[in-house]
Amino acid sequence: MRRIHLKPILILAFLLCVTGFAQANNHTNDQNLDVNQLELLAEQGDISAQYELGVMYAEGESIDKNRTKAKYYLDKVIDNQNQSSLAFVDVAKIYWEMFELWKY
């Protein structure tokens, strides 16, 4: 009998639900910023840019996959103390686990 692993399916479902919130603050959708511009914003502490870069590097979306950079940017999101950004923090933690970024 084949066993279905529900954890990855549940994580993906949660990510799809939460992505709507994150898209509202997504720099690439509303400002068409390139990776260099996002990296500049991220280094200035912009949590939305940090999140976007972490996801882009984790998934290889519009750029080459780079799990080390994904971990770097998602760690910045997770370490953020701004209470208004908790949704970004929660989703960053899920990506961190899903892509096993502790390995990088």
N, C-alpha and C. Protein backbone atom coordinates (compact mmCIF):
# COMPACT_ATOMS: atom_id res chain seq x y z
N MET A 1 0.84 -1.18 0.00
CA MET A 1 0.00 0.00 0.00
C MET A 1 0.89 1.25 0.00
N ARG A 2 0.60 2.17 -0.87
CA ARG A 2 1.39 3.39 -0.99
C ARG A 2 0.95 4.41 0.06
N ARG A 3 1.92 4.96 0.75
CA ARG A 3 1.64 5.91 1.83
C ARG A 3 1.73 7.34 1.29
N ILE A 4 0.73 8.15 1.59
CA ILE A 4 0.71 9.54 1.16
C ILE A 4 1.28 10.39 2.29
N HIS A 5 2.24 11.24 1.94
CA HIS A 5 2.83 12.14 2.92
C HIS A 5 2.05 13.45 2.90
N LEU A 6 1.31 13.71 3.97
CA LEU A 6 0.45 14.87 4.02
C LEU A 6 1.18 16.17 4.36
N LYS A 7 2.29 16.09 5.07
CA LYS A 7 2.97 17.31 5.49
C LYS A 7 3.33 18.22 4.31
N PRO A 8 3.99 17.71 3.26
CA PRO A 8 4.30 18.60 2.14
C PRO A 8 3.05 19.16 1.46
N ILE A 9 2.00 18.37 1.40
CA ILE A 9 0.75 18.83 0.78
C ILE A 9 0.11 19.93 1.61
N LEU A 10 0.10 19.77 2.92
CA LEU A 10 -0.46 20.79 3.80
C LEU A 10 0.37 22.08 3.75
N ILE A 11 1.68 21.94 3.70
CA ILE A 11 2.54 23.12 3.62
C ILE A 11 2.27 23.87 2.32
N LEU A 12 2.17 23.15 1.23
CA LEU A 12 1.90 23.79 -0.05
C LEU A 12 0.54 24.48 -0.05
N ALA A 13 -0.46 23.85 0.52
CA ALA A 13 -1.79 24.46 0.60
C ALA A 13 -1.75 25.74 1.43
N PHE A 14 -1.04 25.71 2.54
CA PHE A 14 -0.92 26.90 3.38
C PHE A 14 -0.21 28.02 2.63
N LEU A 15 0.87 27.66 1.93
CA LEU A 15 1.61 28.67 1.17
C LEU A 15 0.74 29.32 0.10
N LEU A 16 -0.08 28.53 -0.56
CA LEU A 16 -0.95 29.08 -1.59
C LEU A 16 -1.99 30.04 -0.99
N CYS A 17 -2.46 29.72 0.21
CA CYS A 17 -3.43 30.60 0.88
C CYS A 17 -2.79 31.90 1.33
N VAL A 18 -1.60 31.82 1.86
CA VAL A 18 -0.94 33.00 2.42
C VAL A 18 -0.31 33.85 1.32
N THR A 19 -0.04 33.26 0.18
CA THR A 19 0.63 33.99 -0.88
C THR A 19 -0.18 35.22 -1.30
N GLY A 20 -1.46 35.15 -1.20
CA GLY A 20 -2.29 36.31 -1.54
C GLY A 20 -1.92 37.52 -0.71
N PHE A 21 -1.68 37.33 0.59
CA PHE A 21 -1.25 38.44 1.44
C PHE A 21 0.10 38.95 1.00
N ALA A 22 1.02 38.05 0.80
CA ALA A 22 2.37 38.46 0.47
C ALA A 22 2.41 39.18 -0.88
N GLN A 23 1.57 38.78 -1.80
CA GLN A 23 1.56 39.42 -3.11
C GLN A 23 1.15 40.88 -3.02
N ALA A 24 0.37 41.24 -2.02
CA ALA A 24 -0.04 42.63 -1.86
C ALA A 24 1.15 43.53 -1.59
N ASN A 25 2.20 42.98 -1.00
CA ASN A 25 3.39 43.76 -0.68
C ASN A 25 4.58 43.38 -1.55
N ASN A 26 4.33 42.68 -2.60
CA ASN A 26 5.37 42.15 -3.46
C ASN A 26 5.92 43.27 -4.35
N HIS A 27 7.18 43.59 -4.20
CA HIS A 27 7.80 44.66 -4.96
C HIS A 27 7.84 44.37 -6.45
N THR A 28 8.07 43.14 -6.82
CA THR A 28 8.22 42.85 -8.25
C THR A 28 6.92 43.01 -9.00
N ASN A 29 5.79 42.83 -8.33
CA ASN A 29 4.51 42.98 -9.02
C ASN A 29 4.13 44.44 -9.24
N ASP A 30 4.38 45.30 -8.28
CA ASP A 30 3.90 46.66 -8.40
C ASP A 30 4.96 47.66 -8.85
N GLN A 31 6.24 47.31 -8.77
CA GLN A 31 7.27 48.25 -9.15
C GLN A 31 8.23 47.69 -10.20
N ASN A 32 8.07 46.42 -10.58
CA ASN A 32 8.95 45.79 -11.57
C ASN A 32 10.43 45.99 -11.25
N LEU A 33 10.80 45.74 -10.03
CA LEU A 33 12.19 45.87 -9.60
C LEU A 33 12.98 44.64 -10.00
N ASP A 34 14.22 44.84 -10.39
CA ASP A 34 15.06 43.69 -10.71
C ASP A 34 15.73 43.19 -9.43
N VAL A 35 16.46 42.11 -9.56
CA VAL A 35 17.08 41.47 -8.40
C VAL A 35 18.03 42.43 -7.69
N ASN A 36 18.81 43.20 -8.44
CA ASN A 36 19.75 44.13 -7.82
C ASN A 36 19.03 45.18 -6.99
N GLN A 37 17.92 45.69 -7.50
CA GLN A 37 17.15 46.68 -6.75
C GLN A 37 16.53 46.06 -5.50
N LEU A 38 16.04 44.83 -5.63
CA LEU A 38 15.48 44.14 -4.47
C LEU A 38 16.56 43.89 -3.43
N GLU A 39 17.76 43.51 -3.87
CA GLU A 39 18.85 43.27 -2.92
C GLU A 39 19.24 44.54 -2.19
N LEU A 40 19.22 45.67 -2.89
CA LEU A 40 19.51 46.95 -2.24
C LEU A 40 18.46 47.25 -1.17
N LEU A 41 17.19 47.08 -1.52
CA LEU A 41 16.11 47.30 -0.55
C LEU A 41 16.22 46.33 0.62
N ALA A 42 16.54 45.08 0.32
CA ALA A 42 16.66 44.06 1.37
C ALA A 42 17.76 44.42 2.36
N GLU A 43 18.88 44.89 1.86
CA GLU A 43 19.99 45.26 2.74
C GLU A 43 19.67 46.50 3.56
N GLN A 44 18.69 47.29 3.11
CA GLN A 44 18.25 48.46 3.87
C GLN A 44 17.17 48.08 4.89
N GLY A 45 16.84 46.78 4.96
CA GLY A 45 15.90 46.30 5.97
C GLY A 45 14.47 46.13 5.50
N ASP A 46 14.22 46.22 4.21
CA ASP A 46 12.86 46.07 3.68
C ASP A 46 12.47 44.60 3.73
N ILE A 47 11.55 44.27 4.64
CA ILE A 47 11.18 42.87 4.85
C ILE A 47 10.49 42.26 3.63
N SER A 48 9.74 43.06 2.91
CA SER A 48 9.08 42.57 1.71
C SER A 48 10.10 42.15 0.66
N ALA A 49 11.15 42.96 0.48
CA ALA A 49 12.20 42.62 -0.47
C ALA A 49 12.99 41.39 0.01
N GLN A 50 13.24 41.30 1.30
CA GLN A 50 13.94 40.14 1.86
C GLN A 50 13.14 38.86 1.61
N TYR A 51 11.85 38.95 1.87
CA TYR A 51 10.97 37.80 1.66
C TYR A 51 10.96 37.40 0.18
N GLU A 52 10.76 38.39 -0.69
CA GLU A 52 10.68 38.11 -2.12
C GLU A 52 11.96 37.47 -2.62
N LEU A 53 13.10 37.99 -2.22
CA LEU A 53 14.38 37.41 -2.64
C LEU A 53 14.55 35.99 -2.10
N GLY A 54 14.18 35.77 -0.85
CA GLY A 54 14.29 34.44 -0.28
C GLY A 54 13.48 33.42 -1.06
N VAL A 55 12.27 33.79 -1.41
CA VAL A 55 11.40 32.90 -2.19
C VAL A 55 11.96 32.70 -3.60
N MET A 56 12.39 33.80 -4.22
CA MET A 56 12.93 33.70 -5.58
C MET A 56 14.13 32.77 -5.62
N TYR A 57 15.05 32.93 -4.67
CA TYR A 57 16.24 32.07 -4.65
C TYR A 57 15.89 30.63 -4.26
N ALA A 58 14.93 30.42 -3.39
CA ALA A 58 14.54 29.07 -2.99
C ALA A 58 13.91 28.31 -4.14
N GLU A 59 13.04 28.98 -4.88
CA GLU A 59 12.30 28.33 -5.95
C GLU A 59 12.98 28.42 -7.31
N GLY A 60 13.97 29.29 -7.44
CA GLY A 60 14.59 29.50 -8.73
C GLY A 60 13.67 30.28 -9.65
N GLU A 61 12.90 31.18 -9.06
CA GLU A 61 11.91 31.97 -9.80
C GLU A 61 12.58 33.21 -10.38
N SER A 62 12.69 33.29 -11.69
CA SER A 62 13.31 34.41 -12.42
C SER A 62 14.82 34.49 -12.24
N ILE A 63 15.40 33.64 -11.43
CA ILE A 63 16.84 33.59 -11.21
C ILE A 63 17.24 32.14 -10.93
N ASP A 64 18.54 31.88 -10.95
CA ASP A 64 19.01 30.53 -10.63
C ASP A 64 18.76 30.23 -9.15
N LYS A 65 18.39 28.97 -8.88
CA LYS A 65 18.22 28.55 -7.49
C LYS A 65 19.53 28.74 -6.74
N ASN A 66 19.41 29.26 -5.54
CA ASN A 66 20.59 29.43 -4.69
C ASN A 66 20.09 29.32 -3.25
N ARG A 67 20.17 28.12 -2.70
CA ARG A 67 19.62 27.88 -1.37
C ARG A 67 20.39 28.64 -0.29
N THR A 68 21.67 28.91 -0.50
CA THR A 68 22.43 29.68 0.48
C THR A 68 21.89 31.11 0.56
N LYS A 69 21.63 31.71 -0.59
CA LYS A 69 21.05 33.06 -0.60
C LYS A 69 19.62 33.05 -0.09
N ALA A 70 18.88 32.00 -0.42
CA ALA A 70 17.50 31.88 0.08
C ALA A 70 17.51 31.87 1.60
N LYS A 71 18.40 31.08 2.17
CA LYS A 71 18.51 31.01 3.63
C LYS A 71 18.89 32.37 4.20
N TYR A 72 19.83 33.05 3.58
CA TYR A 72 20.29 34.36 4.06
C TYR A 72 19.13 35.34 4.15
N TYR A 73 18.34 35.44 3.07
CA TYR A 73 17.26 36.42 3.07
C TYR A 73 16.08 35.99 3.95
N LEU A 74 15.75 34.70 3.94
CA LEU A 74 14.65 34.26 4.79
C LEU A 74 15.02 34.33 6.27
N ASP A 75 16.29 34.14 6.61
CA ASP A 75 16.73 34.35 7.99
C ASP A 75 16.52 35.80 8.42
N LYS A 76 16.78 36.73 7.51
CA LYS A 76 16.55 38.15 7.81
C LYS A 76 15.07 38.40 8.10
N VAL A 77 14.20 37.78 7.34
CA VAL A 77 12.76 37.93 7.55
C VAL A 77 12.37 37.35 8.91
N ILE A 78 12.85 36.15 9.20
CA ILE A 78 12.50 35.47 10.44
C ILE A 78 13.01 36.24 11.65
N ASP A 79 14.17 36.86 11.53
CA ASP A 79 14.75 37.61 12.64
C ASP A 79 14.14 39.00 12.82
N ASN A 80 13.26 39.40 11.91
CA ASN A 80 12.64 40.73 11.97
C ASN A 80 11.73 40.82 13.19
N GLN A 81 11.81 41.93 13.90
CA GLN A 81 11.03 42.11 15.13
C GLN A 81 9.76 42.94 14.92
N ASN A 82 9.48 43.34 13.69
CA ASN A 82 8.33 44.18 13.40
C ASN A 82 7.04 43.36 13.47
N GLN A 83 6.18 43.70 14.39
CA GLN A 83 4.95 42.93 14.60
C GLN A 83 3.99 43.00 13.40
N SER A 84 4.08 44.05 12.60
CA SER A 84 3.17 44.16 11.45
C SER A 84 3.59 43.24 10.31
N SER A 85 4.72 42.58 10.44
CA SER A 85 5.23 41.72 9.38
C SER A 85 5.17 40.24 9.74
N LEU A 86 4.33 39.88 10.68
CA LEU A 86 4.31 38.49 11.15
C LEU A 86 3.90 37.49 10.07
N ALA A 87 3.07 37.90 9.13
CA ALA A 87 2.69 36.97 8.06
C ALA A 87 3.91 36.61 7.22
N PHE A 88 4.76 37.59 6.92
CA PHE A 88 6.00 37.30 6.19
C PHE A 88 6.86 36.34 6.99
N VAL A 89 6.96 36.57 8.29
CA VAL A 89 7.79 35.73 9.16
C VAL A 89 7.26 34.30 9.15
N ASP A 90 5.96 34.14 9.29
CA ASP A 90 5.37 32.79 9.32
C ASP A 90 5.61 32.04 8.02
N VAL A 91 5.41 32.71 6.90
CA VAL A 91 5.62 32.05 5.61
C VAL A 91 7.10 31.78 5.37
N ALA A 92 7.97 32.70 5.80
CA ALA A 92 9.42 32.48 5.65
C ALA A 92 9.84 31.23 6.42
N LYS A 93 9.26 31.03 7.60
CA LYS A 93 9.59 29.83 8.39
C LYS A 93 9.16 28.56 7.66
N ILE A 94 8.04 28.62 6.99
CA ILE A 94 7.56 27.45 6.24
C ILE A 94 8.51 27.16 5.07
N TYR A 95 8.89 28.19 4.33
CA TYR A 95 9.86 27.99 3.25
C TYR A 95 11.18 27.44 3.80
N TRP A 96 11.61 27.97 4.94
CA TRP A 96 12.87 27.55 5.56
C TRP A 96 12.83 26.04 5.83
N GLU A 97 11.70 25.57 6.34
CA GLU A 97 11.55 24.14 6.63
C GLU A 97 11.36 23.32 5.35
N MET A 98 10.51 23.81 4.47
CA MET A 98 10.17 23.06 3.26
C MET A 98 11.40 22.82 2.39
N PHE A 99 12.27 23.81 2.28
CA PHE A 99 13.47 23.69 1.46
C PHE A 99 14.69 23.25 2.28
N GLU A 100 14.47 22.90 3.55
CA GLU A 100 15.52 22.39 4.45
C GLU A 100 16.74 23.32 4.44
N LEU A 101 16.48 24.61 4.63
CA LEU A 101 17.55 25.60 4.52
C LEU A 101 18.55 25.53 5.66
N TRP A 102 18.27 24.78 6.70
CA TRP A 102 19.26 24.61 7.77
C TRP A 102 20.50 23.90 7.24
N LYS A 103 20.40 23.27 6.11
CA LYS A 103 21.52 22.55 5.51
C LYS A 103 22.51 23.48 4.82
N TYR A 104 22.11 24.73 4.63
CA TYR A 104 22.93 25.66 3.82
C TYR A 104 23.53 26.75 4.65
